């Protein structure tokens, strides 16, 4: 007999990623992607994080809160295969999960009572986090592990800048006190567009990082050109 269980978030992520588009498809692919996990009561006290200062990385268990579905999917189309080939949901890390649960290993930069400062994240702003567990190298690293579908990191493509866009990014990086240029380059170099798209040079793409709209295009195959970095419109 199937039994239902209830879980509650232990905190919420405040992330540089304000929308799903352009988030790296795996953690650690964009080291400049940073955020803060804000813990909620009763876990927002120092006792809950005592000892974490001895840990360099943590596992986050979280909800894909913008992809929750009532009807489970048995097969999905993972981006790694171009979005055109179906595979069993348990053979992928697609966001469409039976219970909407994701997991990521991220770098722990600083520990405070009620807050964990993280980098290398791949979580959307506002993501509910269900649990935090320390990364244990001797147990979590499996040297002979294999995954023939994703044997290596995706190939990076060159990111180039319009002069004005680079100047804008430098100015906002100073204001935010964040590695904004590195963040943009690390995310865009992974080519966030759907693999089946072949855009015309004039087509523009955009995504929000922190409080900024970043827009780019593909002037030629295999090249990204950042056009502008401007404050995001207030809704």
C-alpha atoms as a PDB file:
ATOM      1  CA  UNK A   1       0.000   0.000   0.000  1.00  0.00           C
ATOM      2  CA  UNK A   2       1.319   3.423  -0.952  1.00  0.00           C
ATOM      3  CA  UNK A   3       1.772   5.762   1.973  1.00  0.00           C
ATOM      4  CA  UNK A   4       2.010   9.523   1.653  1.00  0.00           C
ATOM      5  CA  UNK A   5       4.558  11.578   3.579  1.00  0.00           C
ATOM      6  CA  UNK A   6       4.707  15.283   4.240  1.00  0.00           C
ATOM      7  CA  UNK A   7       7.914  17.299   4.203  1.00  0.00           C
ATOM      8  CA  UNK A   8       8.565  20.936   5.053  1.00  0.00           C
ATOM      9  CA  UNK A   9      11.371  23.224   3.853  1.00  0.00           C
ATOM     10  CA  UNK A  10      14.180  23.937   6.263  1.00  0.00           C
ATOM     11  CA  UNK A  11      15.006  27.090   4.316  1.00  0.00           C
ATOM     12  CA  UNK A  12      14.804  28.958   1.028  1.00  0.00           C
ATOM     13  CA  UNK A  13      17.517  29.818  -1.465  1.00  0.00           C
ATOM     14  CA  UNK A  14      18.291  33.442  -2.311  1.00  0.00           C
ATOM     15  CA  UNK A  15      20.050  32.975  -5.605  1.00  0.00           C
ATOM     16  CA  UNK A  16      21.683  34.913  -8.422  1.00  0.00           C
ATOM     17  CA  UNK A  17      19.296  33.066 -10.767  1.00  0.00           C
ATOM     18  CA  UNK A  18      15.932  34.806 -10.983  1.00  0.00           C
ATOM     19  CA  UNK A  19      14.505  32.655 -13.785  1.00  0.00           C
ATOM     20  CA  UNK A  20      15.018  29.088 -14.977  1.00  0.00           C
ATOM     21  CA  UNK A  21      16.540  29.932 -18.359  1.00  0.00           C
ATOM     22  CA  UNK A  22      20.370  29.944 -18.342  1.00  0.00           C
ATOM     23  CA  UNK A  23      20.745  28.137 -15.013  1.00  0.00           C
ATOM     24  CA  UNK A  24      23.536  25.550 -15.418  1.00  0.00           C
ATOM     25  CA  UNK A  25      22.119  22.076 -15.862  1.00  0.00           C
ATOM     26  CA  UNK A  26      24.391  20.701 -13.152  1.00  0.00           C
ATOM     27  CA  UNK A  27      26.005  22.223 -10.029  1.00  0.00           C
ATOM     28  CA  UNK A  28      29.665  23.281  -9.985  1.00  0.00           C
ATOM     29  CA  UNK A  29      29.660  24.203 -13.715  1.00  0.00           C
ATOM     30  CA  UNK A  30      29.463  27.897 -12.796  1.00  0.00           C
ATOM     31  CA  UNK A  31      31.651  28.508  -9.711  1.00  0.00           C
ATOM     32  CA  UNK A  32      30.714  32.205  -9.784  1.00  0.00           C
ATOM     33  CA  UNK A  33      27.029  31.354  -9.227  1.00  0.00           C
ATOM     34  CA  UNK A  34      26.413  32.329  -5.635  1.00  0.00           C
ATOM     35  CA  UNK A  35      23.547  32.526  -3.205  1.00  0.00           C
ATOM     36  CA  UNK A  36      22.484  32.314   0.420  1.00  0.00           C
ATOM     37  CA  UNK A  37      20.388  29.592   1.986  1.00  0.00           C
ATOM     38  CA  UNK A  38      18.197  31.325   4.548  1.00  0.00           C
ATOM     39  CA  UNK A  39      17.104  28.824   7.180  1.00  0.00           C
ATOM     40  CA  UNK A  40      13.706  28.990   8.849  1.00  0.00           C
ATOM     41  CA  UNK A  41      12.716  28.256  12.442  1.00  0.00           C
ATOM     42  CA  UNK A  42      13.735  26.226  14.322  1.00  0.00           C
ATOM     43  CA  UNK A  43      16.786  25.673  12.077  1.00  0.00           C
ATOM     44  CA  UNK A  44      17.727  29.356  11.975  1.00  0.00           C
ATOM     45  CA  UNK A  45      19.663  29.040  15.221  1.00  0.00           C
ATOM     46  CA  UNK A  46      23.366  28.390  15.570  1.00  0.00           C
ATOM     47  CA  UNK A  47      22.878  24.926  17.014  1.00  0.00           C
ATOM     48  CA  UNK A  48      21.590  23.573  13.676  1.00  0.00           C
ATOM     49  CA  UNK A  49      24.764  24.483  11.778  1.00  0.00           C
ATOM     50  CA  UNK A  50      27.354  23.869  14.497  1.00  0.00           C
ATOM     51  CA  UNK A  51      30.258  21.935  12.965  1.00  0.00           C
ATOM     52  CA  UNK A  52      29.551  22.893   9.360  1.00  0.00           C
ATOM     53  CA  UNK A  53      32.544  25.221   9.423  1.00  0.00           C
ATOM     54  CA  UNK A  54      34.645  22.042   9.064  1.00  0.00           C
ATOM     55  CA  UNK A  55      32.995  21.191   5.745  1.00  0.00           C
ATOM     56  CA  UNK A  56      33.913  22.556   2.303  1.00  0.00           C
ATOM     57  CA  UNK A  57      30.883  21.266   0.356  1.00  0.00           C
ATOM     58  CA  UNK A  58      27.327  20.226   1.160  1.00  0.00           C
ATOM     59  CA  UNK A  59      24.538  18.306  -0.502  1.00  0.00           C
ATOM     60  CA  UNK A  60      21.269  20.197  -0.884  1.00  0.00           C
ATOM     61  CA  UNK A  61      17.971  18.353  -1.244  1.00  0.00           C
ATOM     62  CA  UNK A  62      15.344  20.690  -2.657  1.00  0.00           C
ATOM     63  CA  UNK A  63      12.093  21.010  -4.569  1.00  0.00           C
ATOM     64  CA  UNK A  64      11.798  21.963  -8.231  1.00  0.00           C
ATOM     65  CA  UNK A  65       8.977  24.223  -7.101  1.00  0.00           C
ATOM     66  CA  UNK A  66       8.249  25.632 -10.560  1.00  0.00           C
ATOM     67  CA  UNK A  67       8.062  22.181 -12.174  1.00  0.00           C
ATOM     68  CA  UNK A  68       5.794  20.297  -9.772  1.00  0.00           C
ATOM     69  CA  UNK A  69       3.233  18.101 -11.517  1.00  0.00           C
ATOM     70  CA  UNK A  70       0.203  16.112 -10.389  1.00  0.00           C
ATOM     71  CA  UNK A  71       0.693  13.335 -12.949  1.00  0.00           C
ATOM     72  CA  UNK A  72       4.059  11.544 -12.795  1.00  0.00           C
ATOM     73  CA  UNK A  73       6.103  11.221 -15.980  1.00  0.00           C
ATOM     74  CA  UNK A  74       7.631   7.860 -16.804  1.00  0.00           C
ATOM     75  CA  UNK A  75       9.775   9.233 -19.634  1.00  0.00           C
ATOM     76  CA  UNK A  76      11.385  12.616 -20.183  1.00  0.00           C
ATOM     77  CA  UNK A  77      13.507  14.289 -22.841  1.00  0.00           C
ATOM     78  CA  UNK A  78      16.800  15.317 -21.215  1.00  0.00           C
ATOM     79  CA  UNK A  79      18.562  18.423 -22.592  1.00  0.00           C
ATOM     80  CA  UNK A  80      21.837  16.484 -22.732  1.00  0.00           C
ATOM     81  CA  UNK A  81      20.352  14.422 -25.568  1.00  0.00           C
ATOM     82  CA  UNK A  82      19.129  17.486 -27.451  1.00  0.00           C
ATOM     83  CA  UNK A  83      15.615  17.430 -26.058  1.00  0.00           C
ATOM     84  CA  UNK A  84      14.492  15.093 -28.837  1.00  0.00           C
ATOM     85  CA  UNK A  85      15.174  11.645 -27.357  1.00  0.00           C
ATOM     86  CA  UNK A  86      13.073  10.134 -24.573  1.00  0.00           C
ATOM     87  CA  UNK A  87      14.518   8.208 -21.641  1.00  0.00           C
ATOM     88  CA  UNK A  88      13.162   6.788 -18.422  1.00  0.00           C
ATOM     89  CA  UNK A  89      12.845   9.498 -15.798  1.00  0.00           C
ATOM     90  CA  UNK A  90      15.119   7.607 -13.384  1.00  0.00           C
ATOM     91  CA  UNK A  91      17.937   7.557 -15.964  1.00  0.00           C
ATOM     92  CA  UNK A  92      18.034  11.372 -16.021  1.00  0.00           C
ATOM     93  CA  UNK A  93      18.290  14.392 -13.774  1.00  0.00           C
ATOM     94  CA  UNK A  94      15.394  16.140 -15.478  1.00  0.00           C
ATOM     95  CA  UNK A  95      13.467  18.623 -13.329  1.00  0.00           C
ATOM     96  CA  UNK A  96      10.223  16.721 -13.905  1.00  0.00           C
ATOM     97  CA  UNK A  97      10.584  14.289 -10.993  1.00  0.00           C
ATOM     98  CA  UNK A  98       8.003  11.981  -9.406  1.00  0.00           C
ATOM     99  CA  UNK A  99       8.151  14.034  -6.187  1.00  0.00           C
ATOM    100  CA  UNK A 100       9.811  17.140  -7.587  1.00  0.00           C
ATOM    101  CA  UNK A 101      12.990  16.519  -5.570  1.00  0.00           C
ATOM    102  CA  UNK A 102      16.410  17.665  -6.761  1.00  0.00           C
ATOM    103  CA  UNK A 103      19.867  17.352  -5.263  1.00  0.00           C
ATOM    104  CA  UNK A 104      23.054  19.339  -5.790  1.00  0.00           C
ATOM    105  CA  UNK A 105      26.486  19.373  -4.241  1.00  0.00           C
ATOM    106  CA  UNK A 106      27.644  22.968  -3.769  1.00  0.00           C
ATOM    107  CA  UNK A 107      30.564  24.797  -2.178  1.00  0.00           C
ATOM    108  CA  UNK A 108      30.043  26.098   1.341  1.00  0.00           C
ATOM    109  CA  UNK A 109      31.729  29.498   1.553  1.00  0.00           C
ATOM    110  CA  UNK A 110      30.559  30.781   4.925  1.00  0.00           C
ATOM    111  CA  UNK A 111      28.425  29.632   7.836  1.00  0.00           C
ATOM    112  CA  UNK A 112      26.307  31.933   9.966  1.00  0.00           C
ATOM    113  CA  UNK A 113      23.467  31.264  12.360  1.00  0.00           C
ATOM    114  CA  UNK A 114      20.467  31.037  10.065  1.00  0.00           C
ATOM    115  CA  UNK A 115      22.413  31.411   6.806  1.00  0.00           C
ATOM    116  CA  UNK A 116      24.697  29.365   4.602  1.00  0.00           C
ATOM    117  CA  UNK A 117      26.674  31.179   1.899  1.00  0.00           C
ATOM    118  CA  UNK A 118      27.071  28.949  -1.144  1.00  0.00           C
ATOM    119  CA  UNK A 119      28.678  28.957  -4.591  1.00  0.00           C
ATOM    120  CA  UNK A 120      28.607  26.717  -7.636  1.00  0.00           C
ATOM    121  CA  UNK A 121      24.835  26.598  -7.222  1.00  0.00           C
ATOM    122  CA  UNK A 122      22.222  25.646  -9.798  1.00  0.00           C
ATOM    123  CA  UNK A 123      19.117  26.594  -7.796  1.00  0.00           C
ATOM    124  CA  UNK A 124      16.500  29.149  -8.731  1.00  0.00           C
ATOM    125  CA  UNK A 125      15.808  32.055  -6.400  1.00  0.00           C
ATOM    126  CA  UNK A 126      13.139  31.056  -3.878  1.00  0.00           C
ATOM    127  CA  UNK A 127      13.823  27.315  -4.133  1.00  0.00           C
ATOM    128  CA  UNK A 128      12.553  25.454  -1.036  1.00  0.00           C
ATOM    129  CA  UNK A 129      15.387  23.409   0.478  1.00  0.00           C
ATOM    130  CA  UNK A 130      14.412  20.228   2.310  1.00  0.00           C
ATOM    131  CA  UNK A 131      17.736  19.189   3.836  1.00  0.00           C
ATOM    132  CA  UNK A 132      21.468  19.925   4.021  1.00  0.00           C
ATOM    133  CA  UNK A 133      24.028  17.142   4.361  1.00  0.00           C
ATOM    134  CA  UNK A 134      27.832  17.377   4.503  1.00  0.00           C
ATOM    135  CA  UNK A 135      29.781  16.112   1.521  1.00  0.00           C
ATOM    136  CA  UNK A 136      32.011  13.222   2.590  1.00  0.00           C
ATOM    137  CA  UNK A 137      34.842  12.768   0.050  1.00  0.00           C
ATOM    138  CA  UNK A 138      35.886   9.221   0.935  1.00  0.00           C
ATOM    139  CA  UNK A 139      32.292   7.998   0.607  1.00  0.00           C
ATOM    140  CA  UNK A 140      30.874  10.303  -2.064  1.00  0.00           C
ATOM    141  CA  UNK A 141      33.697  10.040  -4.628  1.00  0.00           C
ATOM    142  CA  UNK A 142      33.450   6.808  -6.610  1.00  0.00           C
ATOM    143  CA  UNK A 143      36.527   6.669  -8.811  1.00  0.00           C
ATOM    144  CA  UNK A 144      35.258   3.978 -11.169  1.00  0.00           C
ATOM    145  CA  UNK A 145      31.728   5.353 -11.572  1.00  0.00           C
ATOM    146  CA  UNK A 146      30.441   5.732 -15.111  1.00  0.00           C
ATOM    147  CA  UNK A 147      27.597   7.367 -16.990  1.00  0.00           C
ATOM    148  CA  UNK A 148      27.895   6.841 -20.726  1.00  0.00           C
ATOM    149  CA  UNK A 149      25.122   9.338 -21.447  1.00  0.00           C
ATOM    150  CA  UNK A 150      27.017  12.135 -19.652  1.00  0.00           C
ATOM    151  CA  UNK A 151      30.610  10.962 -19.592  1.00  0.00           C
ATOM    152  CA  UNK A 152      32.073  14.491 -19.630  1.00  0.00           C
ATOM    153  CA  UNK A 153      31.040  18.063 -19.039  1.00  0.00           C
ATOM    154  CA  UNK A 154      29.349  19.768 -21.992  1.00  0.00           C
ATOM    155  CA  UNK A 155      31.617  21.529 -24.459  1.00  0.00           C
ATOM    156  CA  UNK A 156      31.975  25.246 -23.800  1.00  0.00           C
ATOM    157  CA  UNK A 157      31.484  27.817 -26.558  1.00  0.00           C
ATOM    158  CA  UNK A 158      33.263  31.197 -26.743  1.00  0.00           C
ATOM    159  CA  UNK A 159      31.595  34.199 -25.116  1.00  0.00           C
ATOM    160  CA  UNK A 160      32.444  37.600 -26.554  1.00  0.00           C
ATOM    161  CA  UNK A 161      31.355  41.023 -25.383  1.00  0.00           C
ATOM    162  CA  UNK A 162      30.214  44.227 -26.952  1.00  0.00           C
ATOM    163  CA  UNK A 163      32.312  47.022 -25.441  1.00  0.00           C
ATOM    164  CA  UNK A 164      29.289  48.734 -23.913  1.00  0.00           C
ATOM    165  CA  UNK A 165      28.007  45.477 -22.389  1.00  0.00           C
ATOM    166  CA  UNK A 166      31.359  44.729 -20.788  1.00  0.00           C
ATOM    167  CA  UNK A 167      31.486  48.231 -19.291  1.00  0.00           C
ATOM    168  CA  UNK A 168      27.954  47.778 -17.949  1.00  0.00           C
ATOM    169  CA  UNK A 169      28.865  44.421 -16.430  1.00  0.00           C
ATOM    170  CA  UNK A 170      31.950  45.842 -14.728  1.00  0.00           C
ATOM    171  CA  UNK A 171      29.934  48.685 -13.212  1.00  0.00           C
ATOM    172  CA  UNK A 172      27.222  46.381 -11.879  1.00  0.00           C
ATOM    173  CA  UNK A 173      29.775  43.866 -10.601  1.00  0.00           C
ATOM    174  CA  UNK A 174      31.253  46.582  -8.393  1.00  0.00           C
ATOM    175  CA  UNK A 175      27.815  47.602  -7.167  1.00  0.00           C
ATOM    176  CA  UNK A 176      26.758  44.030  -6.382  1.00  0.00           C
ATOM    177  CA  UNK A 177      30.200  42.999  -5.101  1.00  0.00           C
ATOM    178  CA  UNK A 178      29.758  39.820  -7.112  1.00  0.00           C
ATOM    179  CA  UNK A 179      31.845  38.154  -9.875  1.00  0.00           C
ATOM    180  CA  UNK A 180      29.224  39.124 -12.450  1.00  0.00           C
ATOM    181  CA  UNK A 181      31.361  38.858 -15.583  1.00  0.00           C
ATOM    182  CA  UNK A 182      32.529  35.380 -14.618  1.00  0.00           C
ATOM    183  CA  UNK A 183      28.951  34.355 -13.795  1.00  0.00           C
ATOM    184  CA  UNK A 184      27.628  35.482 -17.175  1.00  0.00           C
ATOM    185  CA  UNK A 185      30.482  33.858 -19.095  1.00  0.00           C
ATOM    186  CA  UNK A 186      30.291  30.569 -17.184  1.00  0.00           C
ATOM    187  CA  UNK A 187      26.538  30.251 -17.713  1.00  0.00           C
ATOM    188  CA  UNK A 188      26.360  31.384 -21.333  1.00  0.00           C
ATOM    189  CA  UNK A 189      29.370  29.300 -22.396  1.00  0.00           C
ATOM    190  CA  UNK A 190      27.209  26.230 -21.698  1.00  0.00           C
ATOM    191  CA  UNK A 191      24.762  27.469 -24.364  1.00  0.00           C
ATOM    192  CA  UNK A 192      21.461  27.579 -22.449  1.00  0.00           C
ATOM    193  CA  UNK A 193      19.213  27.571 -25.522  1.00  0.00           C
ATOM    194  CA  UNK A 194      17.437  24.315 -26.409  1.00  0.00           C
ATOM    195  CA  UNK A 195      19.797  22.094 -28.384  1.00  0.00           C
ATOM    196  CA  UNK A 196      17.342  21.733 -31.245  1.00  0.00           C
ATOM    197  CA  UNK A 197      17.293  25.488 -31.933  1.00  0.00           C
ATOM    198  CA  UNK A 198      19.456  27.063 -34.613  1.00  0.00           C
ATOM    199  CA  UNK A 199      18.854  30.783 -34.128  1.00  0.00           C
ATOM    200  CA  UNK A 200      19.267  33.408 -36.791  1.00  0.00           C
ATOM    201  CA  UNK A 201      21.996  35.992 -36.021  1.00  0.00           C
ATOM    202  CA  UNK A 202      19.435  38.689 -35.289  1.00  0.00           C
ATOM    203  CA  UNK A 203      17.520  36.668 -32.714  1.00  0.00           C
ATOM    204  CA  UNK A 204      18.169  37.874 -29.180  1.00  0.00           C
ATOM    205  CA  UNK A 205      18.083  35.813 -26.006  1.00  0.00           C
ATOM    206  CA  UNK A 206      17.885  37.082 -22.451  1.00  0.00           C
ATOM    207  CA  UNK A 207      18.018  35.985 -18.834  1.00  0.00           C
ATOM    208  CA  UNK A 208      18.047  37.648 -15.444  1.00  0.00           C
ATOM    209  CA  UNK A 209      21.082  37.383 -13.174  1.00  0.00           C
ATOM    210  CA  UNK A 210      20.741  39.090  -9.798  1.00  0.00           C
ATOM    211  CA  UNK A 211      18.764  42.264 -10.584  1.00  0.00           C
ATOM    212  CA  UNK A 212      20.018  42.553 -14.155  1.00  0.00           C
ATOM    213  CA  UNK A 213      18.761  41.608 -17.594  1.00  0.00           C
ATOM    214  CA  UNK A 214      21.514  40.115 -19.750  1.00  0.00           C
ATOM    215  CA  UNK A 215      20.881  39.904 -23.490  1.00  0.00           C
ATOM    216  CA  UNK A 216      22.918  38.087 -26.099  1.00  0.00           C
ATOM    217  CA  UNK A 217      22.782  36.604 -29.580  1.00  0.00           C
ATOM    218  CA  UNK A 218      24.613  34.120 -31.794  1.00  0.00           C
ATOM    219  CA  UNK A 219      26.239  36.135 -34.604  1.00  0.00           C
ATOM    220  CA  UNK A 220      27.655  32.926 -36.057  1.00  0.00           C
ATOM    221  CA  UNK A 221      27.490  29.237 -35.123  1.00  0.00           C
ATOM    222  CA  UNK A 222      29.441  28.416 -31.992  1.00  0.00           C
ATOM    223  CA  UNK A 223      29.841  32.017 -30.785  1.00  0.00           C
ATOM    224  CA  UNK A 224      27.872  33.997 -28.194  1.00  0.00           C
ATOM    225  CA  UNK A 225      27.987  37.791 -28.200  1.00  0.00           C
ATOM    226  CA  UNK A 226      26.803  39.621 -25.068  1.00  0.00           C
ATOM    227  CA  UNK A 227      24.895  42.713 -26.159  1.00  0.00           C
ATOM    228  CA  UNK A 228      23.875  44.466 -22.938  1.00  0.00           C
ATOM    229  CA  UNK A 229      23.655  44.175 -19.158  1.00  0.00           C
ATOM    230  CA  UNK A 230      20.942  46.462 -17.839  1.00  0.00           C
ATOM    231  CA  UNK A 231      18.753  46.744 -14.738  1.00  0.00           C
ATOM    232  CA  UNK A 232      15.804  44.373 -14.849  1.00  0.00           C
ATOM    233  CA  UNK A 233      12.365  45.861 -15.322  1.00  0.00           C
ATOM    234  CA  UNK A 234      10.405  46.101 -12.075  1.00  0.00           C
ATOM    235  CA  UNK A 235       7.146  44.179 -12.329  1.00  0.00           C
END
